[in-house]
Amino acid sequence: MIHSILIEGLIYGIMVLGVFASFRILNFCDMTVDGSFPLGGCILAACLLRGISPAAALCIVFAGGLAAGFITTLIYTRLRVPDLLAGILVMTMLYSINLRIMSNRANVSFLKVGTTFTRISSWMERVFPSVSPDWGILVFLLIFVLVLKGLLDLFFHTDMGLTMARSALTNRWSFHRA
């Protein structure tokens, strides 16, 4: 049971990094992440059920998340809607889009569909037969989250990242004034 708790915590930790970057660094209260996180799950489910490889499906999921963020940015900058409301609008719109992506079904079965986690589990069973396959998923997610956190730290040590962080601290940087 502790495996499942840690696995879910690491997955949601990725979402928290996105919320933190938009809210604390950019000073932009963005609720789009609450809609784009399930959007990613729906896109991934639809891709896997159509036989697309998990790696290619993750690239498509990334593009879907970018599109959701881009729509929020357009609503905020072009229509002059406040940042919180723009994120809430996109989040709300994504619920309907998620249902359409899933062919108007609330959930689907992955019992006979190979995912990244099933590949990790089968590898763990072959290499370490005495260890639970959940440990392999846990180690994979831990490494993934640490690498992602490291990449974010590296980004915030670049000129652009430092400028964003410094501007957010002095409250002089804003999208709608550009």
Protein backbone atom coordinates (compact mmCIF):
# COMPACT_ATOMS: atom_id res chain seq x y z
CA MET A 1 0.00 0.00 0.00
CA ILE A 2 2.87 2.38 0.72
CA HIS A 3 4.04 1.85 -2.88
CA SER A 4 0.77 3.20 -4.25
CA ILE A 5 0.81 6.22 -1.96
CA LEU A 6 4.35 7.13 -2.95
CA ILE A 7 3.69 6.54 -6.65
CA GLU A 8 0.64 8.81 -6.65
CA GLY A 9 2.49 11.40 -4.59
CA LEU A 10 5.35 11.52 -7.11
CA ILE A 11 2.93 11.83 -10.03
CA TYR A 12 1.09 14.69 -8.36
CA GLY A 13 4.46 16.19 -7.42
CA ILE A 14 5.05 16.85 -11.12
CA MET A 15 1.81 18.83 -11.22
CA VAL A 16 2.85 20.77 -8.12
CA LEU A 17 6.08 21.81 -9.82
CA GLY A 18 4.02 23.31 -12.64
CA VAL A 19 1.68 25.12 -10.26
CA PHE A 20 4.66 26.41 -8.27
CA ALA A 21 6.44 27.72 -11.35
CA SER A 22 3.39 29.59 -12.62
CA PHE A 23 2.21 30.95 -9.27
CA ARG A 24 5.40 31.74 -7.36
CA ILE A 25 7.90 32.46 -10.11
CA LEU A 26 5.74 34.02 -12.83
CA ASN A 27 3.25 35.59 -10.38
CA PHE A 28 0.44 34.17 -12.54
CA CYS A 29 -2.36 32.34 -10.74
CA ASP A 30 -2.97 29.67 -13.38
CA MET A 31 -5.71 27.10 -12.85
CA THR A 32 -5.17 25.54 -16.28
CA VAL A 33 -3.07 22.80 -14.72
CA ASP A 34 -6.19 21.42 -12.98
CA GLY A 35 -7.72 20.84 -16.41
CA SER A 36 -4.60 19.97 -18.39
CA PHE A 37 -3.55 17.19 -16.01
CA PRO A 38 -6.72 15.16 -16.76
CA LEU A 39 -6.41 16.23 -20.42
CA GLY A 40 -3.05 14.49 -20.53
CA GLY A 41 -4.58 11.35 -19.07
CA CYS A 42 -7.40 11.37 -21.61
CA ILE A 43 -5.07 11.94 -24.55
CA LEU A 44 -2.76 9.18 -23.32
CA ALA A 45 -5.67 6.77 -22.88
CA ALA A 46 -7.01 7.50 -26.36
CA CYS A 47 -3.57 7.08 -27.92
CA LEU A 48 -2.80 3.83 -26.13
CA LEU A 49 -6.18 2.35 -27.05
CA ARG A 50 -5.47 3.16 -30.71
CA GLY A 51 -2.15 1.30 -30.56
CA ILE A 52 0.22 4.27 -30.46
CA SER A 53 3.43 3.56 -28.57
CA PRO A 54 3.68 5.02 -25.04
CA ALA A 55 6.66 7.22 -25.96
CA ALA A 56 4.88 8.76 -28.96
CA ALA A 57 1.71 9.13 -26.87
CA LEU A 58 3.64 11.08 -24.23
CA CYS A 59 4.85 13.48 -26.94
CA ILE A 60 1.25 14.00 -28.04
CA VAL A 61 0.23 14.53 -24.41
CA PHE A 62 2.95 17.17 -24.06
CA ALA A 63 1.60 18.96 -27.14
CA GLY A 64 -1.92 18.86 -25.66
CA GLY A 65 -0.68 20.48 -22.45
CA LEU A 66 1.12 23.15 -24.47
CA ALA A 67 -2.07 23.85 -26.39
CA ALA A 68 -4.06 24.26 -23.16
CA GLY A 69 -1.48 26.69 -21.80
CA PHE A 70 -1.42 28.58 -25.09
CA ILE A 71 -5.20 29.00 -25.02
CA THR A 72 -4.98 30.37 -21.47
CA THR A 73 -2.29 32.80 -22.60
CA LEU A 74 -4.40 33.96 -25.55
CA ILE A 75 -7.44 34.53 -23.33
CA TYR A 76 -5.28 36.43 -20.84
CA THR A 77 -3.31 38.58 -23.28
CA ARG A 78 -5.68 39.16 -26.19
CA LEU A 79 -9.04 39.24 -24.45
CA ARG A 80 -7.66 40.95 -21.31
CA VAL A 81 -9.35 38.45 -18.99
CA PRO A 82 -7.72 38.32 -15.51
CA ASP A 83 -5.25 35.48 -15.04
CA LEU A 84 -7.27 33.50 -12.50
CA LEU A 85 -10.45 33.70 -14.58
CA ALA A 86 -8.62 32.76 -17.79
CA GLY A 87 -7.27 29.62 -16.12
CA ILE A 88 -10.68 28.73 -14.70
CA LEU A 89 -12.29 29.18 -18.12
CA VAL A 90 -9.79 26.89 -19.82
CA MET A 91 -10.00 24.37 -16.98
CA THR A 92 -13.78 24.27 -17.34
CA MET A 93 -13.62 23.98 -21.13
CA LEU A 94 -11.18 21.09 -20.85
CA TYR A 95 -13.71 18.94 -18.99
CA SER A 96 -15.91 18.85 -22.10
CA ILE A 97 -12.92 18.37 -24.37
CA ASN A 98 -11.74 15.46 -22.20
CA LEU A 99 -15.07 13.71 -22.66
CA ARG A 100 -14.89 14.16 -26.44
CA ILE A 101 -11.35 12.79 -26.53
CA MET A 102 -12.55 9.73 -24.62
CA SER A 103 -15.46 9.21 -27.09
CA ASN A 104 -18.01 10.31 -24.47
CA ARG A 105 -16.90 7.59 -22.03
CA ALA A 106 -15.94 8.46 -18.47
CA ASN A 107 -13.33 5.70 -18.20
CA VAL A 108 -11.68 2.97 -20.22
CA SER A 109 -9.99 -0.33 -19.38
CA PHE A 110 -6.24 -0.78 -19.74
CA LEU A 111 -6.18 -4.47 -18.85
CA LYS A 112 -4.83 -5.54 -22.25
CA VAL A 113 -2.96 -2.34 -23.18
CA GLY A 114 0.78 -2.00 -22.66
CA THR A 115 1.89 1.16 -20.86
CA THR A 116 5.22 2.45 -19.63
CA PHE A 117 4.40 1.16 -16.16
CA THR A 118 3.56 -2.35 -17.41
CA ARG A 119 6.90 -2.45 -19.20
CA ILE A 120 8.71 -1.37 -16.04
CA SER A 121 6.79 -3.98 -14.00
CA SER A 122 7.63 -6.80 -16.43
CA TRP A 123 11.31 -5.75 -16.46
CA MET A 124 11.36 -5.77 -12.63
CA GLU A 125 9.82 -9.26 -12.56
CA ARG A 126 12.53 -10.57 -14.90
CA VAL A 127 15.55 -8.86 -13.32
CA PHE A 128 14.51 -8.92 -9.64
CA PRO A 129 11.93 -11.73 -9.23
CA SER A 130 11.84 -11.44 -5.42
CA VAL A 131 11.05 -7.69 -5.45
CA SER A 132 7.57 -6.29 -6.01
CA PRO A 133 7.12 -4.68 -9.47
CA ASP A 134 5.72 -1.58 -7.74
CA TRP A 135 9.20 -0.80 -6.48
CA GLY A 136 10.41 -0.49 -10.08
CA ILE A 137 7.65 2.01 -10.87
CA LEU A 138 8.47 3.89 -7.69
CA VAL A 139 12.19 4.09 -8.51
CA PHE A 140 11.41 5.14 -12.10
CA LEU A 141 9.11 7.95 -10.93
CA LEU A 142 11.57 9.07 -8.26
CA ILE A 143 14.34 9.34 -10.84
CA PHE A 144 11.99 11.10 -13.29
CA VAL A 145 10.86 13.68 -10.72
CA LEU A 146 14.44 14.32 -9.58
CA VAL A 147 15.60 14.80 -13.18
CA LEU A 148 12.66 17.14 -13.86
CA LYS A 149 13.43 19.12 -10.69
CA GLY A 150 17.09 19.29 -11.71
CA LEU A 151 16.17 20.57 -15.18
CA LEU A 152 13.94 23.26 -13.62
CA ASP A 153 16.79 24.26 -11.30
CA LEU A 154 19.16 24.46 -14.27
CA PHE A 155 16.64 26.58 -16.17
CA PHE A 156 16.28 29.00 -13.28
CA HIS A 157 20.06 29.42 -13.24
CA THR A 158 20.09 30.60 -16.87
CA ASP A 159 19.79 34.25 -17.84
CA MET A 160 16.14 33.87 -18.84
CA GLY A 161 15.27 31.92 -15.69
CA LEU A 162 17.03 34.39 -13.42
CA THR A 163 15.31 37.27 -15.17
CA MET A 164 11.92 35.64 -14.67
CA ALA A 165 12.57 34.97 -10.99
CA ARG A 166 14.02 38.43 -10.34
CA SER A 167 11.17 40.15 -12.18
CA ALA A 168 8.60 38.17 -10.24
CA LEU A 169 10.20 39.25 -6.98
CA THR A 170 10.04 42.93 -7.90
CA ASN A 171 6.53 42.60 -9.42
CA ARG A 172 7.56 44.48 -12.57
CA TRP A 173 7.13 41.67 -15.09
CA SER A 174 3.69 41.12 -16.59
CA PHE A 175 2.34 39.52 -19.77
CA HIS A 176 -0.35 42.07 -20.48
CA ARG A 177 1.99 45.09 -20.45
CA ALA A 178 4.20 43.70 -23.21
